[in-house]
Amino acid sequence: MAYVNIVAPACRDGHGTSARERRGGYRRDIRSLNDVMPFGRVCQPEDIANAVCYFVSDRASYVTGEKLNVWGGGQSWR
């Protein structure tokens, strides 16, 4: 049986607007949530990239079947 590792990012800051946001007419700037996030900012693309880099590095050579949540404790703002 094969196992995979996955990275599960939270809402993130990024360039452009998602298809979901365009369909709903939702144009809120995600950075407006910075003040309520535990680390003072929303997830950045680099945060997700760092998690992926960990999984593909030798440091994770014995890690399998794991889900790495990259959310910075931000689910509590809901």
PDB file of N, CA and C in Angstrom:
ATOM      1  N   MET A   1       0.840  -1.165   0.000  1.00  0.00           N
ATOM      2  CA  MET A   1       0.000   0.000   0.000  1.00  0.00           C
ATOM      3  C   MET A   1       0.897   1.244   0.000  1.00  0.00           C
ATOM      4  N   ALA A   2       0.542   2.191  -0.833  1.00  0.00           N
ATOM      5  CA  ALA A   2       1.308   3.431  -0.925  1.00  0.00           C
ATOM      6  C   ALA A   2       0.638   4.524  -0.099  1.00  0.00           C
ATOM      7  N   TYR A   3       1.437   5.289   0.570  1.00  0.00           N
ATOM      8  CA  TYR A   3       0.947   6.428   1.342  1.00  0.00           C
ATOM      9  C   TYR A   3       1.536   7.700   0.759  1.00  0.00           C
ATOM     10  N   VAL A   4       0.807   8.765   0.870  1.00  0.00           N
ATOM     11  CA  VAL A   4       1.300  10.056   0.374  1.00  0.00           C
ATOM     12  C   VAL A   4       1.237  11.074   1.503  1.00  0.00           C
ATOM     13  N   ASN A   5       2.058  12.082   1.384  1.00  0.00           N
ATOM     14  CA  ASN A   5       2.014  13.229   2.269  1.00  0.00           C
ATOM     15  C   ASN A   5       1.286  14.345   1.537  1.00  0.00           C
ATOM     16  N   ILE A   6       0.523  15.132   2.284  1.00  0.00           N
ATOM     17  CA  ILE A   6      -0.175  16.255   1.659  1.00  0.00           C
ATOM     18  C   ILE A   6       0.035  17.523   2.482  1.00  0.00           C
ATOM     19  N   VAL A   7      -0.020  18.633   1.795  1.00  0.00           N
ATOM     20  CA  VAL A   7       0.026  19.946   2.428  1.00  0.00           C
ATOM     21  C   VAL A   7      -1.374  20.542   2.290  1.00  0.00           C
ATOM     22  N   ALA A   8      -1.935  20.988   3.417  1.00  0.00           N
ATOM     23  CA  ALA A   8      -3.295  21.540   3.432  1.00  0.00           C
ATOM     24  C   ALA A   8      -3.216  23.010   3.846  1.00  0.00           C
ATOM     25  N   PRO A   9      -3.144  23.902   2.869  1.00  0.00           N
ATOM     26  CA  PRO A   9      -3.028  25.329   3.193  1.00  0.00           C
ATOM     27  C   PRO A   9      -4.363  25.959   3.560  1.00  0.00           C
ATOM     28  N   ALA A  10      -4.268  27.051   4.298  1.00  0.00           N
ATOM     29  CA  ALA A  10      -5.450  27.853   4.640  1.00  0.00           C
ATOM     30  C   ALA A  10      -5.695  28.858   3.534  1.00  0.00           C
ATOM     31  N   CYS A  11      -6.654  29.769   3.763  1.00  0.00           N
ATOM     32  CA  CYS A  11      -6.807  30.860   2.793  1.00  0.00           C
ATOM     33  C   CYS A  11      -5.464  31.558   2.729  1.00  0.00           C
ATOM     34  N   ARG A  12      -5.135  31.994   1.590  1.00  0.00           N
ATOM     35  CA  ARG A  12      -3.813  32.586   1.439  1.00  0.00           C
ATOM     36  C   ARG A  12      -3.889  33.901   0.696  1.00  0.00           C
ATOM     37  N   ASP A  13      -2.881  34.690   0.946  1.00  0.00           N
ATOM     38  CA  ASP A  13      -2.697  35.916   0.196  1.00  0.00           C
ATOM     39  C   ASP A  13      -2.043  35.511  -1.114  1.00  0.00           C
ATOM     40  N   GLY A  14      -2.409  36.145  -2.177  1.00  0.00           N
ATOM     41  CA  GLY A  14      -1.810  35.826  -3.461  1.00  0.00           C
ATOM     42  C   GLY A  14      -2.271  36.816  -4.505  1.00  0.00           C
ATOM     43  N   HIS A  15      -1.752  36.657  -5.671  1.00  0.00           N
ATOM     44  CA  HIS A  15      -2.105  37.554  -6.765  1.00  0.00           C
ATOM     45  C   HIS A  15      -3.330  37.027  -7.483  1.00  0.00           C
ATOM     46  N   GLY A  16      -4.203  37.915  -7.861  1.00  0.00           N
ATOM     47  CA  GLY A  16      -5.379  37.505  -8.621  1.00  0.00           C
ATOM     48  C   GLY A  16      -6.538  37.158  -7.725  1.00  0.00           C
ATOM     49  N   THR A  17      -7.617  36.780  -8.342  1.00  0.00           N
ATOM     50  CA  THR A  17      -8.841  36.439  -7.648  1.00  0.00           C
ATOM     51  C   THR A  17      -9.259  35.049  -8.087  1.00  0.00           C
ATOM     52  N   SER A  18      -9.674  34.230  -7.133  1.00  0.00           N
ATOM     53  CA  SER A  18     -10.060  32.863  -7.470  1.00  0.00           C
ATOM     54  C   SER A  18     -11.380  32.855  -8.243  1.00  0.00           C
ATOM     55  N   ALA A  19     -11.628  31.750  -8.929  1.00  0.00           N
ATOM     56  CA  ALA A  19     -12.875  31.603  -9.689  1.00  0.00           C
ATOM     57  C   ALA A  19     -14.074  31.687  -8.747  1.00  0.00           C
ATOM     58  N   ARG A  20     -13.947  31.119  -7.567  1.00  0.00           N
ATOM     59  CA  ARG A  20     -15.042  31.180  -6.598  1.00  0.00           C
ATOM     60  C   ARG A  20     -15.346  32.625  -6.224  1.00  0.00           C
ATOM     61  N   GLU A  21     -14.339  33.417  -6.001  1.00  0.00           N
ATOM     62  CA  GLU A  21     -14.538  34.820  -5.650  1.00  0.00           C
ATOM     63  C   GLU A  21     -15.177  35.585  -6.806  1.00  0.00           C
ATOM     64  N   ARG A  22     -14.769  35.295  -8.038  1.00  0.00           N
ATOM     65  CA  ARG A  22     -15.348  35.979  -9.199  1.00  0.00           C
ATOM     66  C   ARG A  22     -16.823  35.624  -9.359  1.00  0.00           C
ATOM     67  N   ARG A  23     -17.171  34.349  -9.170  1.00  0.00           N
ATOM     68  CA  ARG A  23     -18.563  33.917  -9.308  1.00  0.00           C
ATOM     69  C   ARG A  23     -19.454  34.586  -8.278  1.00  0.00           C
ATOM     70  N   GLY A  24     -18.970  34.704  -7.038  1.00  0.00           N
ATOM     71  CA  GLY A  24     -19.786  35.269  -5.976  1.00  0.00           C
ATOM     72  C   GLY A  24     -19.699  36.776  -5.876  1.00  0.00           C
ATOM     73  N   GLY A  25     -18.897  37.402  -6.716  1.00  0.00           N
ATOM     74  CA  GLY A  25     -18.726  38.837  -6.637  1.00  0.00           C
ATOM     75  C   GLY A  25     -17.968  39.258  -5.388  1.00  0.00           C
ATOM     76  N   TYR A  26     -17.308  38.321  -4.741  1.00  0.00           N
ATOM     77  CA  TYR A  26     -16.591  38.565  -3.504  1.00  0.00           C
ATOM     78  C   TYR A  26     -15.210  39.126  -3.821  1.00  0.00           C
ATOM     79  N   ARG A  27     -14.922  40.333  -3.382  1.00  0.00           N
ATOM     80  CA  ARG A  27     -13.649  40.967  -3.707  1.00  0.00           C
ATOM     81  C   ARG A  27     -12.915  41.452  -2.468  1.00  0.00           C
ATOM     82  N   ARG A  28     -13.260  40.926  -1.298  1.00  0.00           N
ATOM     83  CA  ARG A  28     -12.618  41.351  -0.059  1.00  0.00           C
ATOM     84  C   ARG A  28     -11.123  41.060  -0.120  1.00  0.00           C
ATOM     85  N   ASP A  29     -10.355  41.991   0.326  1.00  0.00           N
ATOM     86  CA  ASP A  29      -8.910  41.804   0.381  1.00  0.00           C
ATOM     87  C   ASP A  29      -8.594  40.901   1.566  1.00  0.00           C
ATOM     88  N   ILE A  30      -8.044  39.728   1.302  1.00  0.00           N
ATOM     89  CA  ILE A  30      -7.746  38.745   2.343  1.00  0.00           C
ATOM     90  C   ILE A  30      -6.811  39.328   3.410  1.00  0.00           C
ATOM     91  N   ARG A  31      -6.008  40.304   3.016  1.00  0.00           N
ATOM     92  CA  ARG A  31      -5.088  40.899   3.992  1.00  0.00           C
ATOM     93  C   ARG A  31      -5.800  41.690   5.078  1.00  0.00           C
ATOM     94  N   SER A  32      -7.091  41.953   4.885  1.00  0.00           N
ATOM     95  CA  SER A  32      -7.849  42.637   5.936  1.00  0.00           C
ATOM     96  C   SER A  32      -7.985  41.749   7.171  1.00  0.00           C
ATOM     97  N   LEU A  33      -7.686  40.468   7.031  1.00  0.00           N
ATOM     98  CA  LEU A  33      -7.734  39.541   8.158  1.00  0.00           C
ATOM     99  C   LEU A  33      -6.431  39.503   8.951  1.00  0.00           C
ATOM    100  N   ASN A  34      -5.387  40.180   8.496  1.00  0.00           N
ATOM    101  CA  ASN A  34      -4.092  40.135   9.165  1.00  0.00           C
ATOM    102  C   ASN A  34      -4.190  40.409  10.657  1.00  0.00           C
ATOM    103  N   ASP A  35      -4.989  41.386  11.043  1.00  0.00           N
ATOM    104  CA  ASP A  35      -5.069  41.785  12.454  1.00  0.00           C
ATOM    105  C   ASP A  35      -5.684  40.723  13.354  1.00  0.00           C
ATOM    106  N   VAL A  36      -6.493  39.843  12.813  1.00  0.00           N
ATOM    107  CA  VAL A  36      -7.127  38.830  13.647  1.00  0.00           C
ATOM    108  C   VAL A  36      -6.421  37.481  13.577  1.00  0.00           C
ATOM    109  N   MET A  37      -5.387  37.379  12.778  1.00  0.00           N
ATOM    110  CA  MET A  37      -4.652  36.124  12.657  1.00  0.00           C
ATOM    111  C   MET A  37      -3.631  36.009  13.795  1.00  0.00           C
ATOM    112  N   PRO A  38      -3.442  34.818  14.349  1.00  0.00           N
ATOM    113  CA  PRO A  38      -2.516  34.634  15.467  1.00  0.00           C
ATOM    114  C   PRO A  38      -1.086  35.116  15.188  1.00  0.00           C
ATOM    115  N   PHE A  39      -0.608  34.979  13.954  1.00  0.00           N
ATOM    116  CA  PHE A  39       0.744  35.420  13.617  1.00  0.00           C
ATOM    117  C   PHE A  39       0.758  36.800  12.979  1.00  0.00           C
ATOM    118  N   GLY A  40      -0.382  37.471  12.948  1.00  0.00           N
ATOM    119  CA  GLY A  40      -0.461  38.829  12.429  1.00  0.00           C
ATOM    120  C   GLY A  40      -0.498  38.935  10.921  1.00  0.00           C
ATOM    121  N   ARG A  41      -0.704  37.806  10.241  1.00  0.00           N
ATOM    122  CA  ARG A  41      -0.780  37.819   8.780  1.00  0.00           C
ATOM    123  C   ARG A  41      -1.449  36.553   8.302  1.00  0.00           C
ATOM    124  N   VAL A  42      -2.042  36.617   7.126  1.00  0.00           N
ATOM    125  CA  VAL A  42      -2.610  35.416   6.518  1.00  0.00           C
ATOM    126  C   VAL A  42      -1.488  34.609   5.874  1.00  0.00           C
ATOM    127  N   CYS A  43      -1.801  33.400   5.534  1.00  0.00           N
ATOM    128  CA  CYS A  43      -0.837  32.495   4.912  1.00  0.00           C
ATOM    129  C   CYS A  43      -0.307  33.102   3.611  1.00  0.00           C
ATOM    130  N   GLN A  44       0.981  33.011   3.433  1.00  0.00           N
ATOM    131  CA  GLN A  44       1.635  33.503   2.226  1.00  0.00           C
ATOM    132  C   GLN A  44       2.023  32.314   1.347  1.00  0.00           C
ATOM    133  N   PRO A  45       2.137  32.521   0.051  1.00  0.00           N
ATOM    134  CA  PRO A  45       2.567  31.419  -0.826  1.00  0.00           C
ATOM    135  C   PRO A  45       3.881  30.779  -0.364  1.00  0.00           C
ATOM    136  N   GLU A  46       4.762  31.575   0.203  1.00  0.00           N
ATOM    137  CA  GLU A  46       6.051  31.040   0.679  1.00  0.00           C
ATOM    138  C   GLU A  46       5.852  30.049   1.825  1.00  0.00           C
ATOM    139  N   ASP A  47       4.831  30.267   2.664  1.00  0.00           N
ATOM    140  CA  ASP A  47       4.550  29.352   3.767  1.00  0.00           C
ATOM    141  C   ASP A  47       4.190  27.973   3.226  1.00  0.00           C
ATOM    142  N   ILE A  48       3.403  27.957   2.177  1.00  0.00           N
ATOM    143  CA  ILE A  48       3.007  26.695   1.557  1.00  0.00           C
ATOM    144  C   ILE A  48       4.214  26.048   0.881  1.00  0.00           C
ATOM    145  N   ALA A  49       4.989  26.843   0.181  1.00  0.00           N
ATOM    146  CA  ALA A  49       6.188  26.330  -0.496  1.00  0.00           C
ATOM    147  C   ALA A  49       7.165  25.723   0.503  1.00  0.00           C
ATOM    148  N   ASN A  50       7.322  26.351   1.665  1.00  0.00           N
ATOM    149  CA  ASN A  50       8.235  25.816   2.685  1.00  0.00           C
ATOM    150  C   ASN A  50       7.776  24.451   3.183  1.00  0.00           C
ATOM    151  N   ALA A  51       6.465  24.272   3.324  1.00  0.00           N
ATOM    152  CA  ALA A  51       5.937  22.979   3.754  1.00  0.00           C
ATOM    153  C   ALA A  51       6.200  21.914   2.692  1.00  0.00           C
ATOM    154  N   VAL A  52       5.986  22.258   1.434  1.00  0.00           N
ATOM    155  CA  VAL A  52       6.247  21.317   0.343  1.00  0.00           C
ATOM    156  C   VAL A  52       7.739  20.976   0.297  1.00  0.00           C
ATOM    157  N   CYS A  53       8.586  21.977   0.456  1.00  0.00           N
ATOM    158  CA  CYS A  53      10.042  21.739   0.452  1.00  0.00           C
ATOM    159  C   CYS A  53      10.444  20.768   1.557  1.00  0.00           C
ATOM    160  N   TYR A  54       9.791  20.880   2.710  1.00  0.00           N
ATOM    161  CA  TYR A  54      10.082  19.938   3.794  1.00  0.00           C
ATOM    162  C   TYR A  54       9.753  18.516   3.354  1.00  0.00           C
ATOM    163  N   PHE A  55       8.565  18.314   2.805  1.00  0.00           N
ATOM    164  CA  PHE A  55       8.149  16.967   2.422  1.00  0.00           C
ATOM    165  C   PHE A  55       9.049  16.352   1.357  1.00  0.00           C
ATOM    166  N   VAL A  56       9.607  17.159   0.476  1.00  0.00           N
ATOM    167  CA  VAL A  56      10.456  16.594  -0.573  1.00  0.00           C
ATOM    168  C   VAL A  56      11.929  16.558  -0.180  1.00  0.00           C
ATOM    169  N   SER A  57      12.242  17.010   1.024  1.00  0.00           N
ATOM    170  CA  SER A  57      13.635  17.018   1.476  1.00  0.00           C
ATOM    171  C   SER A  57      14.000  15.695   2.156  1.00  0.00           C
ATOM    172  N   ASP A  58      15.278  15.503   2.365  1.00  0.00           N
ATOM    173  CA  ASP A  58      15.765  14.328   3.087  1.00  0.00           C
ATOM    174  C   ASP A  58      15.297  14.321   4.536  1.00  0.00           C
ATOM    175  N   ARG A  59      14.983  15.479   5.087  1.00  0.00           N
ATOM    176  CA  ARG A  59      14.513  15.557   6.477  1.00  0.00           C
ATOM    177  C   ARG A  59      13.191  14.819   6.666  1.00  0.00           C
ATOM    178  N   ALA A  60      12.437  14.658   5.617  1.00  0.00           N
ATOM    179  CA  ALA A  60      11.156  13.954   5.706  1.00  0.00           C
ATOM    180  C   ALA A  60      11.231  12.562   5.086  1.00  0.00           C
ATOM    181  N   SER A  61      12.420  12.018   4.981  1.00  0.00           N
ATOM    182  CA  SER A  61      12.590  10.734   4.290  1.00  0.00           C
ATOM    183  C   SER A  61      11.880   9.573   4.987  1.00  0.00           C
ATOM    184  N   TYR A  62      11.534   9.721   6.255  1.00  0.00           N
ATOM    185  CA  TYR A  62      10.855   8.652   6.980  1.00  0.00           C
ATOM    186  C   TYR A  62       9.434   9.047   7.368  1.00  0.00           C
ATOM    187  N   VAL A  63       8.933  10.099   6.753  1.00  0.00           N
ATOM    188  CA  VAL A  63       7.582  10.597   7.017  1.00  0.00           C
ATOM    189  C   VAL A  63       6.685  10.132   5.874  1.00  0.00           C
ATOM    190  N   THR A  64       5.587   9.486   6.209  1.00  0.00           N
ATOM    191  CA  THR A  64       4.679   9.008   5.176  1.00  0.00           C
ATOM    192  C   THR A  64       3.234   9.039   5.671  1.00  0.00           C
ATOM    193  N   GLY A  65       2.330   9.320   4.772  1.00  0.00           N
ATOM    194  CA  GLY A  65       0.916   9.326   5.106  1.00  0.00           C
ATOM    195  C   GLY A  65       0.497  10.463   6.021  1.00  0.00           C
ATOM    196  N   GLU A  66       1.152  11.593   5.922  1.00  0.00           N
ATOM    197  CA  GLU A  66       0.860  12.711   6.813  1.00  0.00           C
ATOM    198  C   GLU A  66       0.205  13.879   6.088  1.00  0.00           C
ATOM    199  N   LYS A  67      -0.584  14.619   6.842  1.00  0.00           N
ATOM    200  CA  LYS A  67      -1.207  15.852   6.363  1.00  0.00           C
ATOM    201  C   LYS A  67      -0.609  16.997   7.177  1.00  0.00           C
ATOM    202  N   LEU A  68      -0.002  17.938   6.497  1.00  0.00           N
ATOM    203  CA  LEU A  68       0.603  19.091   7.163  1.00  0.00           C
ATOM    204  C   LEU A  68      -0.294  20.303   6.938  1.00  0.00           C
ATOM    205  N   ASN A  69      -0.994  20.710   7.987  1.00  0.00           N
ATOM    206  CA  ASN A  69      -1.859  21.890   7.919  1.00  0.00           C
ATOM    207  C   ASN A  69      -0.994  23.140   8.003  1.00  0.00           C
ATOM    208  N   VAL A  70      -1.135  24.006   7.031  1.00  0.00           N
ATOM    209  CA  VAL A  70      -0.393  25.266   7.007  1.00  0.00           C
ATOM    210  C   VAL A  70      -1.438  26.374   7.156  1.00  0.00           C
ATOM    211  N   TRP A  71      -1.807  26.638   8.395  1.00  0.00           N
ATOM    212  CA  TRP A  71      -2.867  27.599   8.634  1.00  0.00           C
ATOM    213  C   TRP A  71      -2.534  28.606   9.724  1.00  0.00           C
ATOM    214  N   GLY A  72      -1.412  28.462  10.400  1.00  0.00           N
ATOM    215  CA  GLY A  72      -0.982  29.456  11.376  1.00  0.00           C
ATOM    216  C   GLY A  72      -1.959  29.696  12.509  1.00  0.00           C
ATOM    217  N   GLY A  73      -2.787  28.701  12.820  1.00  0.00           N
ATOM    218  CA  GLY A  73      -3.767  28.864  13.891  1.00  0.00           C
ATOM    219  C   GLY A  73      -4.924  29.754  13.529  1.00  0.00           C
ATOM    220  N   GLY A  74      -5.057  30.076  12.252  1.00  0.00           N
ATOM    221  CA  GLY A  74      -6.039  31.056  11.802  1.00  0.00           C
ATOM    222  C   GLY A  74      -7.462  30.586  11.698  1.00  0.00           C
ATOM    223  N   GLN A  75      -7.753  29.325  11.940  1.00  0.00           N
ATOM    224  CA  GLN A  75      -9.137  28.885  11.827  1.00  0.00           C
ATOM    225  C   GLN A  75      -9.995  29.467  12.943  1.00  0.00           C
ATOM    226  N   SER A  76      -9.373  29.970  13.998  1.00  0.00           N
ATOM    227  CA  SER A  76     -10.142  30.502  15.125  1.00  0.00           C
ATOM    228  C   SER A  76     -10.815  31.825  14.811  1.00  0.00           C
ATOM    229  N   TRP A  77     -10.463  32.486  13.706  1.00  0.00           N
ATOM    230  CA  TRP A  77     -11.080  33.769  13.363  1.00  0.00           C
ATOM    231  C   TRP A  77     -12.494  33.632  12.842  1.00  0.00           C
ATOM    232  N   ARG A  78     -12.888  32.430  12.449  1.00  0.00           N
ATOM    233  CA  ARG A  78     -14.220  32.208  11.859  1.00  0.00           C
ATOM    234  C   ARG A  78     -15.326  32.549  12.800  1.00  0.00           C
TER     235      ARG A  78
END
